[in-house]
C-alpha atoms as a PDB file:
ATOM      1  CA  MET A   1     156.523  91.196 102.930  1.00  0.00           C
ATOM      2  CA  LEU A   2     158.655  90.761 106.034  1.00  0.00           C
ATOM      3  CA  GLY A   3     161.682  89.828 103.914  1.00  0.00           C
ATOM      4  CA  VAL A   4     161.346  92.613 101.328  1.00  0.00           C
ATOM      5  CA  PRO A   5     164.023  95.315 101.716  1.00  0.00           C
ATOM      6  CA  GLY A   6     162.555  98.628 102.815  1.00  0.00           C
ATOM      7  CA  TRP A   7     159.377  97.174 104.373  1.00  0.00           C
ATOM      8  CA  ARG A   8     159.032  97.180 108.137  1.00  0.00           C
ATOM      9  CA  THR A   9     156.088  96.105 110.284  1.00  0.00           C
ATOM     10  CA  TRP A  10     155.320  97.946 113.533  1.00  0.00           C
ATOM     11  CA  LEU A  11     153.340  96.821 116.571  1.00  0.00           C
ATOM     12  CA  ALA A  12     152.631  98.933 119.657  1.00  0.00           C
ATOM     13  CA  TYR A  13     151.672  97.340 122.950  1.00  0.00           C
ATOM     14  CA  ARG A  14     149.694  98.856 125.803  1.00  0.00           C
ATOM     15  CA  GLY A  15     149.668  97.010 129.096  1.00  0.00           C
ATOM     16  CA  GLY A  16     151.286  93.985 127.454  1.00  0.00           C
ATOM     17  CA  VAL A  17     148.537  93.729 124.819  1.00  0.00           C
ATOM     18  CA  ALA A  18     148.844  94.544 121.104  1.00  0.00           C
ATOM     19  CA  ALA A  19     147.142  97.927 120.674  1.00  0.00           C
ATOM     20  CA  ALA A  20     148.208  99.462 117.339  1.00  0.00           C
ATOM     21  CA  ALA A  21     149.955  98.311 114.185  1.00  0.00           C
ATOM     22  CA  GLY A  22     151.116  99.627 110.839  1.00  0.00           C
ATOM     23  CA  TYR A  23     153.943  99.335 108.371  1.00  0.00           C
ATOM     24  CA  THR A  24     156.491 101.543 106.672  1.00  0.00           C
ATOM     25  CA  PHE A  25     158.245 101.371 103.351  1.00  0.00           C
ATOM     26  CA  ASP A  26     161.537 103.201 102.848  1.00  0.00           C
ATOM     27  CA  ASP A  27     162.628 103.459  99.210  1.00  0.00           C
ATOM     28  CA  GLY A  28     165.887 105.236 100.038  1.00  0.00           C
ATOM     29  CA  VAL A  29     164.466 108.724  99.428  1.00  0.00           C
ATOM     30  CA  ALA A  30     161.302 108.875 101.547  1.00  0.00           C
ATOM     31  CA  ALA A  31     159.466 106.620 103.951  1.00  0.00           C
ATOM     32  CA  GLY A  32     155.732 106.038 103.894  1.00  0.00           C
ATOM     33  CA  LEU A  33     153.596 105.010 106.847  1.00  0.00           C
ATOM     34  CA  TYR A  34     150.691 102.772 105.840  1.00  0.00           C
ATOM     35  CA  LEU A  35     147.579 101.239 107.369  1.00  0.00           C
ATOM     36  CA  LEU A  36     148.142 102.452 110.910  1.00  0.00           C
ATOM     37  CA  ALA A  37     145.262 101.141 112.996  1.00  0.00           C
ATOM     38  CA  THR A  38     144.508 101.122 116.705  1.00  0.00           C
ATOM     39  CA  LEU A  39     142.121  98.669 118.322  1.00  0.00           C
ATOM     40  CA  PRO A  40     139.016 100.500 119.598  1.00  0.00           C
ATOM     41  CA  GLU A  41     139.648  99.799 123.271  1.00  0.00           C
ATOM     42  CA  HIS A  42     143.122 101.393 122.999  1.00  0.00           C
ATOM     43  CA  ARG A  43     142.221 104.548 121.062  1.00  0.00           C
ATOM     44  CA  GLY A  44     143.135 107.820 122.728  1.00  0.00           C
ATOM     45  CA  GLN A  45     145.663 106.133 125.017  1.00  0.00           C
ATOM     46  CA  GLY A  46     148.881 106.980 123.148  1.00  0.00           C
ATOM     47  CA  ALA A  47     149.563 103.719 121.297  1.00  0.00           C
ATOM     48  CA  ALA A  48     149.304 105.240 117.820  1.00  0.00           C
ATOM     49  CA  ALA A  49     151.364 108.271 118.840  1.00  0.00           C
ATOM     50  CA  ALA A  50     154.072 105.980 120.220  1.00  0.00           C
ATOM     51  CA  LEU A  51     154.081 103.939 117.029  1.00  0.00           C
ATOM     52  CA  VAL A  52     154.314 107.021 114.787  1.00  0.00           C
ATOM     53  CA  GLY A  53     157.090 108.412 116.983  1.00  0.00           C
ATOM     54  CA  ALA A  54     159.037 105.176 116.641  1.00  0.00           C
ATOM     55  CA  THR A  55     158.683 105.232 112.843  1.00  0.00           C
ATOM     56  CA  LEU A  56     159.910 108.827 112.696  1.00  0.00           C
ATOM     57  CA  ARG A  57     162.934 108.011 114.900  1.00  0.00           C
ATOM     58  CA  ALA A  58     163.718 104.998 112.685  1.00  0.00           C
ATOM     59  CA  HIS A  59     163.839 107.200 109.563  1.00  0.00           C
ATOM     60  CA  PRO A  60     165.357 110.497 110.793  1.00  0.00           C
ATOM     61  CA  GLU A  61     166.951 111.364 107.450  1.00  0.00           C
ATOM     62  CA  ARG A  62     163.816 110.697 105.379  1.00  0.00           C
ATOM     63  CA  ALA A  63     160.719 112.663 104.527  1.00  0.00           C
ATOM     64  CA  MET A  64     157.761 110.711 105.964  1.00  0.00           C
ATOM     65  CA  THR A  65     154.460 110.492 104.119  1.00  0.00           C
ATOM     66  CA  LEU A  66     151.091 109.034 105.063  1.00  0.00           C
ATOM     67  CA  THR A  67     147.405 109.131 104.232  1.00  0.00           C
ATOM     68  CA  ALA A  68     145.143 110.050 107.132  1.00  0.00           C
ATOM     69  CA  THR A  69     141.518 109.409 107.860  1.00  0.00           C
ATOM     70  CA  ALA A  70     139.472 112.104 109.579  1.00  0.00           C
ATOM     71  CA  VAL A  71     139.991 110.209 112.853  1.00  0.00           C
ATOM     72  CA  GLY A  72     143.785 110.135 112.464  1.00  0.00           C
ATOM     73  CA  THR A  73     144.284 113.683 111.192  1.00  0.00           C
ATOM     74  CA  PRO A  74     144.413 115.371 114.651  1.00  0.00           C
ATOM     75  CA  LEU A  75     147.121 112.949 115.832  1.00  0.00           C
ATOM     76  CA  TYR A  76     149.290 113.511 112.773  1.00  0.00           C
ATOM     77  CA  ALA A  77     148.834 117.292 113.034  1.00  0.00           C
ATOM     78  CA  ARG A  78     150.009 117.167 116.686  1.00  0.00           C
ATOM     79  CA  LEU A  79     153.084 115.239 115.546  1.00  0.00           C
ATOM     80  CA  GLY A  80     154.012 117.893 112.973  1.00  0.00           C
ATOM     81  CA  PHE A  81     152.512 116.495 109.770  1.00  0.00           C
ATOM     82  CA  HIS A  82     150.611 118.857 107.473  1.00  0.00           C
ATOM     83  CA  THR A  83     148.181 118.286 104.638  1.00  0.00           C
ATOM     84  CA  VAL A  84     149.647 118.667 101.154  1.00  0.00           C
ATOM     85  CA  SER A  85     146.655 117.284  99.239  1.00  0.00           C
ATOM     86  CA  ARG A  86     143.285 115.625  99.712  1.00  0.00           C
ATOM     87  CA  ALA A  87     141.960 112.433  98.146  1.00  0.00           C
ATOM     88  CA  LEU A  88     138.503 111.045  97.631  1.00  0.00           C
ATOM     89  CA  TRP A  89     138.336 107.288  98.180  1.00  0.00           C
ATOM     90  CA  TRP A  90     135.709 105.070  96.549  1.00  0.00           C
ATOM     91  CA  VAL A  91     134.554 101.637  97.658  1.00  0.00           C
ATOM     92  CA  PRO A  92     132.240  99.173  95.904  1.00  0.00           C
ATOM     93  CA  THR A  93     128.802  98.575  97.395  1.00  0.00           C
ATOM     94  CA  PRO A  94     125.975  96.281  96.306  1.00  0.00           C
ATOM     95  CA  GLY A  95     124.214  99.294  94.739  1.00  0.00           C
ATOM     96  CA  GLY A  96     127.285 100.663  92.956  1.00  0.00           C
ATOM     97  CA  LEU A  97     130.226 102.824  93.933  1.00  0.00           C
ATOM     98  CA  THR A  98     129.961 105.251  96.794  1.00  0.00           C
ATOM     99  CA  ALA A  99     132.389 107.761  98.284  1.00  0.00           C
ATOM    100  CA  PRO A 100     132.474 107.234 102.068  1.00  0.00           C
ATOM    101  CA  GLY A 101     134.499 110.359 102.808  1.00  0.00           C
ATOM    102  CA  VAL A 102     137.558 112.387 102.106  1.00  0.00           C
ATOM    103  CA  ALA A 103     140.978 111.394 103.416  1.00  0.00           C
ATOM    104  CA  ASP A 104     143.869 113.774 103.996  1.00  0.00           C
END
């Protein structure tokens, strides 16, 4: 994906160690932020906020979209994002499908 136009991979470091990562896709109209994750030992230390800030600065003329977990929602709200819809995500389990929670 690194060579596909519009895709960009992001990595945030904390103390010289990789702490958070995600990617964006810019289709020329809007940019989406996807799969942002922070390693457990770095959560709450600003790595994800720094990464999101960098993605917003890289796409100043674009609307930015993302899907948030319950854990990520407070961060995105602090950064000015607001919920426009909710989704229910399903995952397969040995006993059938189950809904682990609702994502914003």
